[in-house]
Amino acid sequence: MKTISYGVLIVNEQGQLLMAHATGQKHWDIPKGGAEAGESAREAAVREVREETGIELAADSMEELGRMPYRPAKDLHLFRVFVHTRDCDIAACKCTSFFPHHASGVMTPEVDQFKWVDTADVPALAAKSMTAVLRTLPGFGTTRDT
């Protein structure tokens, strides 16, 4: 049976996507993760954003994009929200979700960096599976206009 990750595309007024760097990984990602017992898709997405970025989203501000294929054993259920950078200071973002580091066992934040990314630059930063999902959505191009 497939698992589901719930995530939010946070888009600023320049059309840039908020991406988070997964600690110890090569790729950047969107805030996402699994639901806890009893959570709706929307509640899980809001909690994951809060845990991974510190950003508090109003559940009713998010547009539901739906469930889509992601990896062989996992689907994504995505939402999108538009924000103004004046209201969403990524310099203040902080991950409060931790995991034990594979080598040291030290509790380590899941996410260690944040940045606004032009949609044309997403394929260079995100994993192929995430890029493939994002390319199915309107407004996500694969090349930069010059």
N, C-alpha and C. Protein backbone atom coordinates (compact mmCIF):
# COMPACT_ATOMS: atom_id res chain seq x y z
N MET A 1 0.84 -1.18 0.00
CA MET A 1 0.00 0.00 0.00
C MET A 1 0.88 1.25 0.00
N LYS A 2 0.50 2.23 -0.77
CA LYS A 2 1.27 3.47 -0.87
C LYS A 2 1.09 4.34 0.36
N THR A 3 2.18 5.01 0.75
CA THR A 3 2.08 6.03 1.78
C THR A 3 1.82 7.37 1.09
N ILE A 4 1.44 8.35 1.87
CA ILE A 4 1.16 9.67 1.32
C ILE A 4 1.93 10.71 2.12
N SER A 5 2.59 11.62 1.41
CA SER A 5 3.21 12.79 2.04
C SER A 5 2.33 13.99 1.71
N TYR A 6 2.13 14.84 2.71
CA TYR A 6 1.29 16.03 2.56
C TYR A 6 2.20 17.24 2.55
N GLY A 7 2.08 18.07 1.52
CA GLY A 7 2.98 19.20 1.40
C GLY A 7 2.30 20.44 0.86
N VAL A 8 3.04 21.56 0.96
CA VAL A 8 2.52 22.85 0.52
C VAL A 8 3.55 23.53 -0.37
N LEU A 9 3.07 23.99 -1.51
CA LEU A 9 3.87 24.85 -2.37
C LEU A 9 3.62 26.27 -1.90
N ILE A 10 4.63 26.88 -1.32
CA ILE A 10 4.52 28.26 -0.83
C ILE A 10 5.15 29.14 -1.89
N VAL A 11 4.32 30.00 -2.50
CA VAL A 11 4.74 30.80 -3.66
C VAL A 11 4.67 32.28 -3.29
N ASN A 12 5.74 33.02 -3.60
CA ASN A 12 5.75 34.44 -3.30
C ASN A 12 5.24 35.29 -4.47
N GLU A 13 5.24 36.60 -4.27
CA GLU A 13 4.68 37.50 -5.28
C GLU A 13 5.49 37.53 -6.58
N GLN A 14 6.73 37.05 -6.56
CA GLN A 14 7.52 36.93 -7.79
C GLN A 14 7.33 35.57 -8.47
N GLY A 15 6.46 34.74 -7.91
CA GLY A 15 6.23 33.42 -8.47
C GLY A 15 7.29 32.41 -8.07
N GLN A 16 8.12 32.76 -7.08
CA GLN A 16 9.17 31.85 -6.61
C GLN A 16 8.60 30.89 -5.57
N LEU A 17 9.19 29.71 -5.55
CA LEU A 17 8.78 28.64 -4.64
C LEU A 17 9.72 28.58 -3.44
N LEU A 18 9.15 28.48 -2.24
CA LEU A 18 9.98 28.29 -1.04
C LEU A 18 10.46 26.85 -1.03
N MET A 19 11.76 26.69 -1.00
CA MET A 19 12.34 25.35 -0.92
C MET A 19 13.20 25.25 0.33
N ALA A 20 13.24 24.04 0.86
CA ALA A 20 13.98 23.75 2.08
C ALA A 20 15.01 22.67 1.74
N HIS A 21 16.22 22.83 2.29
CA HIS A 21 17.27 21.84 2.07
C HIS A 21 17.20 20.78 3.16
N ALA A 22 17.03 19.55 2.73
CA ALA A 22 16.99 18.43 3.68
C ALA A 22 18.40 18.17 4.20
N THR A 23 18.58 18.25 5.50
CA THR A 23 19.89 18.10 6.13
C THR A 23 20.58 16.82 5.66
N GLY A 24 21.81 16.97 5.21
CA GLY A 24 22.61 15.82 4.80
C GLY A 24 22.29 15.28 3.43
N GLN A 25 21.37 15.90 2.71
CA GLN A 25 20.97 15.42 1.39
C GLN A 25 21.47 16.37 0.31
N LYS A 26 21.47 15.90 -0.92
CA LYS A 26 21.88 16.71 -2.06
C LYS A 26 20.76 17.67 -2.48
N HIS A 27 19.53 17.19 -2.43
CA HIS A 27 18.41 17.91 -3.00
C HIS A 27 17.69 18.85 -2.04
N TRP A 28 17.02 19.82 -2.64
CA TRP A 28 16.10 20.72 -1.94
C TRP A 28 14.70 20.17 -2.15
N ASP A 29 13.78 20.54 -1.28
CA ASP A 29 12.44 19.98 -1.31
C ASP A 29 11.43 21.03 -0.85
N ILE A 30 10.17 20.68 -0.95
CA ILE A 30 9.10 21.51 -0.37
C ILE A 30 8.82 20.97 1.02
N PRO A 31 8.24 21.77 1.91
CA PRO A 31 7.85 21.23 3.22
C PRO A 31 6.77 20.17 3.04
N LYS A 32 7.04 18.97 3.53
CA LYS A 32 6.07 17.88 3.39
C LYS A 32 6.39 16.76 4.36
N GLY A 33 5.40 15.90 4.58
CA GLY A 33 5.62 14.74 5.43
C GLY A 33 4.32 13.98 5.66
N GLY A 34 4.39 12.94 6.44
CA GLY A 34 3.25 12.08 6.68
C GLY A 34 2.28 12.66 7.70
N ALA A 35 1.06 12.13 7.66
CA ALA A 35 0.02 12.56 8.60
C ALA A 35 0.16 11.81 9.91
N GLU A 36 -0.26 12.46 10.97
CA GLU A 36 -0.36 11.80 12.26
C GLU A 36 -1.77 11.26 12.40
N ALA A 37 -1.98 10.33 13.33
CA ALA A 37 -3.29 9.71 13.51
C ALA A 37 -4.37 10.77 13.68
N GLY A 38 -5.43 10.63 12.90
CA GLY A 38 -6.59 11.52 13.03
C GLY A 38 -6.49 12.82 12.27
N GLU A 39 -5.35 13.11 11.64
CA GLU A 39 -5.21 14.37 10.91
C GLU A 39 -5.82 14.27 9.51
N SER A 40 -6.43 15.36 9.08
CA SER A 40 -6.87 15.47 7.69
C SER A 40 -5.64 15.82 6.84
N ALA A 41 -5.78 15.72 5.54
CA ALA A 41 -4.69 16.09 4.62
C ALA A 41 -4.27 17.54 4.86
N ARG A 42 -5.23 18.42 4.99
CA ARG A 42 -4.96 19.85 5.19
C ARG A 42 -4.24 20.08 6.53
N GLU A 43 -4.70 19.42 7.58
CA GLU A 43 -4.07 19.57 8.90
C GLU A 43 -2.63 19.06 8.87
N ALA A 44 -2.40 17.93 8.20
CA ALA A 44 -1.05 17.38 8.11
C ALA A 44 -0.13 18.33 7.36
N ALA A 45 -0.61 18.91 6.27
CA ALA A 45 0.20 19.84 5.48
C ALA A 45 0.56 21.08 6.30
N VAL A 46 -0.41 21.64 7.02
CA VAL A 46 -0.16 22.83 7.86
C VAL A 46 0.88 22.50 8.94
N ARG A 47 0.74 21.33 9.58
CA ARG A 47 1.68 20.94 10.64
C ARG A 47 3.08 20.73 10.08
N GLU A 48 3.19 20.07 8.94
CA GLU A 48 4.51 19.84 8.34
C GLU A 48 5.21 21.15 8.01
N VAL A 49 4.48 22.13 7.47
CA VAL A 49 5.07 23.44 7.18
C VAL A 49 5.55 24.09 8.47
N ARG A 50 4.72 24.04 9.51
CA ARG A 50 5.09 24.63 10.79
C ARG A 50 6.35 23.96 11.36
N GLU A 51 6.39 22.61 11.35
CA GLU A 51 7.52 21.89 11.92
C GLU A 51 8.82 22.11 11.13
N GLU A 52 8.71 22.15 9.80
CA GLU A 52 9.91 22.23 8.97
C GLU A 52 10.39 23.64 8.71
N THR A 53 9.50 24.65 8.87
CA THR A 53 9.89 26.03 8.55
C THR A 53 9.59 27.03 9.66
N GLY A 54 8.67 26.71 10.55
CA GLY A 54 8.22 27.67 11.55
C GLY A 54 7.12 28.58 11.02
N ILE A 55 6.75 28.45 9.76
CA ILE A 55 5.71 29.29 9.16
C ILE A 55 4.33 28.77 9.57
N GLU A 56 3.50 29.67 10.06
CA GLU A 56 2.12 29.33 10.43
C GLU A 56 1.19 29.69 9.26
N LEU A 57 0.60 28.69 8.65
CA LEU A 57 -0.35 28.92 7.57
C LEU A 57 -1.77 28.74 8.07
N ALA A 58 -2.67 29.55 7.56
CA ALA A 58 -4.09 29.35 7.83
C ALA A 58 -4.58 28.26 6.89
N ALA A 59 -5.17 27.22 7.46
CA ALA A 59 -5.59 26.07 6.65
C ALA A 59 -6.52 26.49 5.51
N ASP A 60 -7.37 27.48 5.75
CA ASP A 60 -8.32 27.88 4.72
C ASP A 60 -7.70 28.78 3.65
N SER A 61 -6.42 29.15 3.81
CA SER A 61 -5.74 29.99 2.81
C SER A 61 -5.13 29.13 1.70
N MET A 62 -5.12 27.82 1.89
CA MET A 62 -4.43 26.93 0.96
C MET A 62 -5.38 26.39 -0.10
N GLU A 63 -4.91 26.42 -1.34
CA GLU A 63 -5.64 25.82 -2.46
C GLU A 63 -5.25 24.34 -2.54
N GLU A 64 -6.23 23.47 -2.60
CA GLU A 64 -5.93 22.04 -2.69
C GLU A 64 -5.63 21.67 -4.13
N LEU A 65 -4.46 21.07 -4.36
CA LEU A 65 -4.06 20.63 -5.69
C LEU A 65 -4.36 19.15 -5.89
N GLY A 66 -4.50 18.42 -4.77
CA GLY A 66 -4.88 17.01 -4.85
C GLY A 66 -3.72 16.04 -4.69
N ARG A 67 -4.09 14.77 -4.85
CA ARG A 67 -3.13 13.67 -4.68
C ARG A 67 -2.58 13.29 -6.05
N MET A 68 -1.27 13.11 -6.09
CA MET A 68 -0.63 12.75 -7.35
C MET A 68 0.48 11.73 -7.14
N PRO A 69 0.75 10.93 -8.17
CA PRO A 69 1.82 9.94 -8.07
C PRO A 69 3.17 10.63 -7.85
N TYR A 70 4.00 10.03 -6.99
CA TYR A 70 5.29 10.63 -6.65
C TYR A 70 6.43 9.62 -6.86
N ARG A 71 6.41 8.58 -6.06
CA ARG A 71 7.39 7.50 -6.19
C ARG A 71 6.62 6.18 -6.16
N PRO A 72 7.27 5.07 -6.49
CA PRO A 72 6.52 3.81 -6.55
C PRO A 72 5.71 3.49 -5.29
N ALA A 73 6.24 3.81 -4.11
CA ALA A 73 5.54 3.47 -2.87
C ALA A 73 4.94 4.68 -2.17
N LYS A 74 4.95 5.85 -2.84
CA LYS A 74 4.48 7.06 -2.17
C LYS A 74 3.80 8.01 -3.15
N ASP A 75 2.69 8.59 -2.71
CA ASP A 75 2.02 9.66 -3.44
C ASP A 75 2.19 10.96 -2.66
N LEU A 76 1.96 12.07 -3.34
CA LEU A 76 1.95 13.38 -2.70
C LEU A 76 0.54 13.93 -2.72
N HIS A 77 0.13 14.56 -1.65
CA HIS A 77 -1.13 15.31 -1.60
C HIS A 77 -0.70 16.75 -1.35
N LEU A 78 -0.88 17.59 -2.38
CA LEU A 78 -0.33 18.93 -2.32
C LEU A 78 -1.38 20.02 -2.20
N PHE A 79 -0.94 21.10 -1.59
CA PHE A 79 -1.69 22.34 -1.47
C PHE A 79 -0.78 23.45 -1.96
N ARG A 80 -1.37 24.59 -2.28
CA ARG A 80 -0.58 25.76 -2.67
C ARG A 80 -1.12 26.98 -1.95
N VAL A 81 -0.19 27.84 -1.54
CA VAL A 81 -0.56 29.09 -0.89
C VAL A 81 0.33 30.19 -1.45
N PHE A 82 -0.25 31.35 -1.65
CA PHE A 82 0.50 32.51 -2.12
C PHE A 82 0.75 33.44 -0.94
N VAL A 83 2.00 33.89 -0.79
CA VAL A 83 2.39 34.75 0.32
C VAL A 83 3.17 35.94 -0.22
N HIS A 84 3.28 36.97 0.60
CA HIS A 84 4.15 38.10 0.30
C HIS A 84 5.42 37.92 1.10
N THR A 85 6.56 38.19 0.49
CA THR A 85 7.83 38.01 1.20
C THR A 85 7.89 38.88 2.45
N ARG A 86 7.19 40.02 2.46
CA ARG A 86 7.20 40.87 3.66
C ARG A 86 6.52 40.16 4.84
N ASP A 87 5.64 39.20 4.55
CA ASP A 87 4.93 38.45 5.58
C ASP A 87 5.56 37.08 5.82
N CYS A 88 6.54 36.73 5.03
CA CYS A 88 7.13 35.39 5.10
C CYS A 88 8.65 35.54 4.98
N ASP A 89 9.28 35.90 6.09
CA ASP A 89 10.72 36.13 6.13
C ASP A 89 11.44 34.81 6.30
N ILE A 90 12.06 34.34 5.21
CA ILE A 90 12.70 33.02 5.31
C ILE A 90 13.96 33.05 6.18
N ALA A 91 14.50 34.25 6.43
CA ALA A 91 15.64 34.33 7.35
C ALA A 91 15.23 33.92 8.76
N ALA A 92 13.93 34.02 9.05
CA ALA A 92 13.41 33.63 10.36
C ALA A 92 12.95 32.18 10.40
N CYS A 93 12.99 31.48 9.29
CA CYS A 93 12.55 30.08 9.26
C CYS A 93 13.45 29.22 10.14
N LYS A 94 12.82 28.28 10.82
CA LYS A 94 13.56 27.38 11.70
C LYS A 94 12.83 26.04 11.77
N CYS A 95 13.57 24.98 11.57
CA CYS A 95 13.00 23.64 11.63
C CYS A 95 12.97 23.17 13.09
N THR A 96 11.81 22.67 13.51
CA THR A 96 11.68 22.15 14.88
C THR A 96 11.45 20.64 14.88
N SER A 97 11.65 20.01 13.74
CA SER A 97 11.50 18.56 13.62
C SER A 97 12.90 17.96 13.48
N PHE A 98 13.22 17.00 14.34
CA PHE A 98 14.58 16.46 14.41
C PHE A 98 14.60 14.95 14.19
N PHE A 99 15.78 14.46 13.79
CA PHE A 99 16.00 13.01 13.65
C PHE A 99 17.39 12.71 14.20
N PRO A 100 17.62 11.47 14.65
CA PRO A 100 18.97 11.12 15.11
C PRO A 100 19.91 10.96 13.91
N HIS A 101 21.02 11.68 13.90
CA HIS A 101 22.00 11.61 12.81
C HIS A 101 22.48 10.17 12.66
N HIS A 102 22.60 9.70 11.41
CA HIS A 102 22.93 8.29 11.16
C HIS A 102 24.30 7.88 11.72
N ALA A 103 25.24 8.80 11.78
CA ALA A 103 26.57 8.44 12.26
C ALA A 103 26.76 8.74 13.75
N SER A 104 26.34 9.93 14.18
CA SER A 104 26.62 10.37 15.55
C SER A 104 25.48 10.11 16.53
N GLY A 105 24.27 9.96 16.01
CA GLY A 105 23.11 9.82 16.88
C GLY A 105 22.61 11.13 17.44
N VAL A 106 23.32 12.23 17.16
CA VAL A 106 22.94 13.56 17.64
C VAL A 106 21.63 13.97 16.96
N MET A 107 20.71 14.52 17.74
CA MET A 107 19.45 14.98 17.18
C MET A 107 19.73 16.16 16.24
N THR A 108 19.26 16.02 15.00
CA THR A 108 19.59 16.93 13.91
C THR A 108 18.30 17.43 13.26
N PRO A 109 18.22 18.74 12.94
CA PRO A 109 17.01 19.23 12.28
C PRO A 109 16.84 18.60 10.90
N GLU A 110 15.60 18.30 10.54
CA GLU A 110 15.31 17.72 9.22
C GLU A 110 15.73 18.65 8.09
N VAL A 111 15.61 19.96 8.32
CA VAL A 111 15.89 20.96 7.30
C VAL A 111 16.93 21.93 7.85
N ASP A 112 17.92 22.31 7.00
CA ASP A 112 18.98 23.19 7.48
C ASP A 112 19.13 24.50 6.72
N GLN A 113 18.39 24.70 5.62
CA GLN A 113 18.46 25.95 4.86
C GLN A 113 17.13 26.17 4.14
N PHE A 114 16.87 27.43 3.80
CA PHE A 114 15.65 27.81 3.09
C PHE A 114 16.01 28.83 2.02
N LYS A 115 15.30 28.78 0.88
CA LYS A 115 15.48 29.83 -0.12
C LYS A 115 14.30 29.88 -1.07
N TRP A 116 14.12 31.09 -1.65
CA TRP A 116 13.13 31.28 -2.70
C TRP A 116 13.78 30.88 -4.01
N VAL A 117 13.07 30.08 -4.81
CA VAL A 117 13.63 29.53 -6.03
C VAL A 117 12.71 29.86 -7.21
N ASP A 118 13.31 30.38 -8.28
CA ASP A 118 12.55 30.57 -9.51
C ASP A 118 12.13 29.19 -10.02
N THR A 119 10.93 29.09 -10.54
CA THR A 119 10.44 27.76 -10.96
C THR A 119 11.33 27.13 -12.01
N ALA A 120 11.96 27.94 -12.86
CA ALA A 120 12.85 27.38 -13.89
C ALA A 120 14.08 26.72 -13.28
N ASP A 121 14.43 27.10 -12.03
CA ASP A 121 15.61 26.55 -11.37
C ASP A 121 15.30 25.33 -10.51
N VAL A 122 14.03 25.01 -10.34
CA VAL A 122 13.65 23.87 -9.49
C VAL A 122 14.29 22.57 -9.97
N PRO A 123 14.30 22.25 -11.28
CA PRO A 123 14.89 20.97 -11.69
C PRO A 123 16.36 20.80 -11.30
N ALA A 124 17.11 21.89 -11.19
CA ALA A 124 18.52 21.80 -10.81
C ALA A 124 18.71 21.53 -9.32
N LEU A 125 17.65 21.78 -8.53
CA LEU A 125 17.76 21.66 -7.08
C LEU A 125 16.98 20.48 -6.49
N ALA A 126 15.82 20.21 -7.04
CA ALA A 126 14.93 19.18 -6.49
C ALA A 126 15.26 17.80 -7.06
N ALA A 127 14.83 16.78 -6.35
CA ALA A 127 14.97 15.41 -6.85
C ALA A 127 14.13 15.24 -8.12
N LYS A 128 14.52 14.28 -8.94
CA LYS A 128 13.80 14.05 -10.21
C LYS A 128 12.32 13.76 -9.97
N SER A 129 12.00 13.00 -8.92
CA SER A 129 10.61 12.65 -8.66
C SER A 129 9.79 13.90 -8.29
N MET A 130 10.37 14.82 -7.53
CA MET A 130 9.66 16.06 -7.18
C MET A 130 9.53 16.95 -8.41
N THR A 131 10.60 17.07 -9.19
CA THR A 131 10.55 17.87 -10.41
C THR A 131 9.45 17.36 -11.34
N ALA A 132 9.34 16.05 -11.47
CA ALA A 132 8.32 15.47 -12.35
C ALA A 132 6.92 15.85 -11.90
N VAL A 133 6.67 15.83 -10.60
CA VAL A 133 5.35 16.23 -10.07
C VAL A 133 5.11 17.71 -10.35
N LEU A 134 6.08 18.55 -10.03
CA LEU A 134 5.91 19.98 -10.20
C LEU A 134 5.69 20.36 -11.66
N ARG A 135 6.31 19.64 -12.57
CA ARG A 135 6.15 19.94 -14.01
C ARG A 135 4.72 19.70 -14.49
N THR A 136 3.96 18.91 -13.74
CA THR A 136 2.56 18.66 -14.14
C THR A 136 1.65 19.82 -13.75
N LEU A 137 2.16 20.75 -12.94
CA LEU A 137 1.33 21.84 -12.44
C LEU A 137 1.49 23.08 -13.32
N PRO A 138 0.41 23.80 -13.57
CA PRO A 138 0.52 25.04 -14.36
C PRO A 138 1.48 26.02 -13.71
N GLY A 139 2.29 26.68 -14.52
CA GLY A 139 3.18 27.71 -14.01
C GLY A 139 4.57 27.22 -13.67
N PHE A 140 4.83 25.93 -13.80
CA PHE A 140 6.17 25.42 -13.51
C PHE A 140 6.85 25.06 -14.81
N GLY A 141 7.71 25.97 -15.27
CA GLY A 141 8.45 25.76 -16.51
C GLY A 141 9.73 25.01 -16.27
N THR A 142 10.39 24.68 -17.35
CA THR A 142 11.66 23.94 -17.25
C THR A 142 12.83 24.78 -17.72
N THR A 143 12.57 25.95 -18.32
CA THR A 143 13.67 26.82 -18.74
C THR A 143 13.39 28.23 -18.31
N ARG A 144 14.47 28.99 -18.14
CA ARG A 144 14.34 30.39 -17.73
C ARG A 144 14.15 31.24 -18.98
N ASP A 145 13.20 32.18 -18.93
CA ASP A 145 13.03 33.13 -20.03
C ASP A 145 14.18 34.10 -20.01
N THR A 146 14.72 34.43 -21.18
CA THR A 146 15.85 35.37 -21.23
C THR A 146 15.44 36.65 -21.92
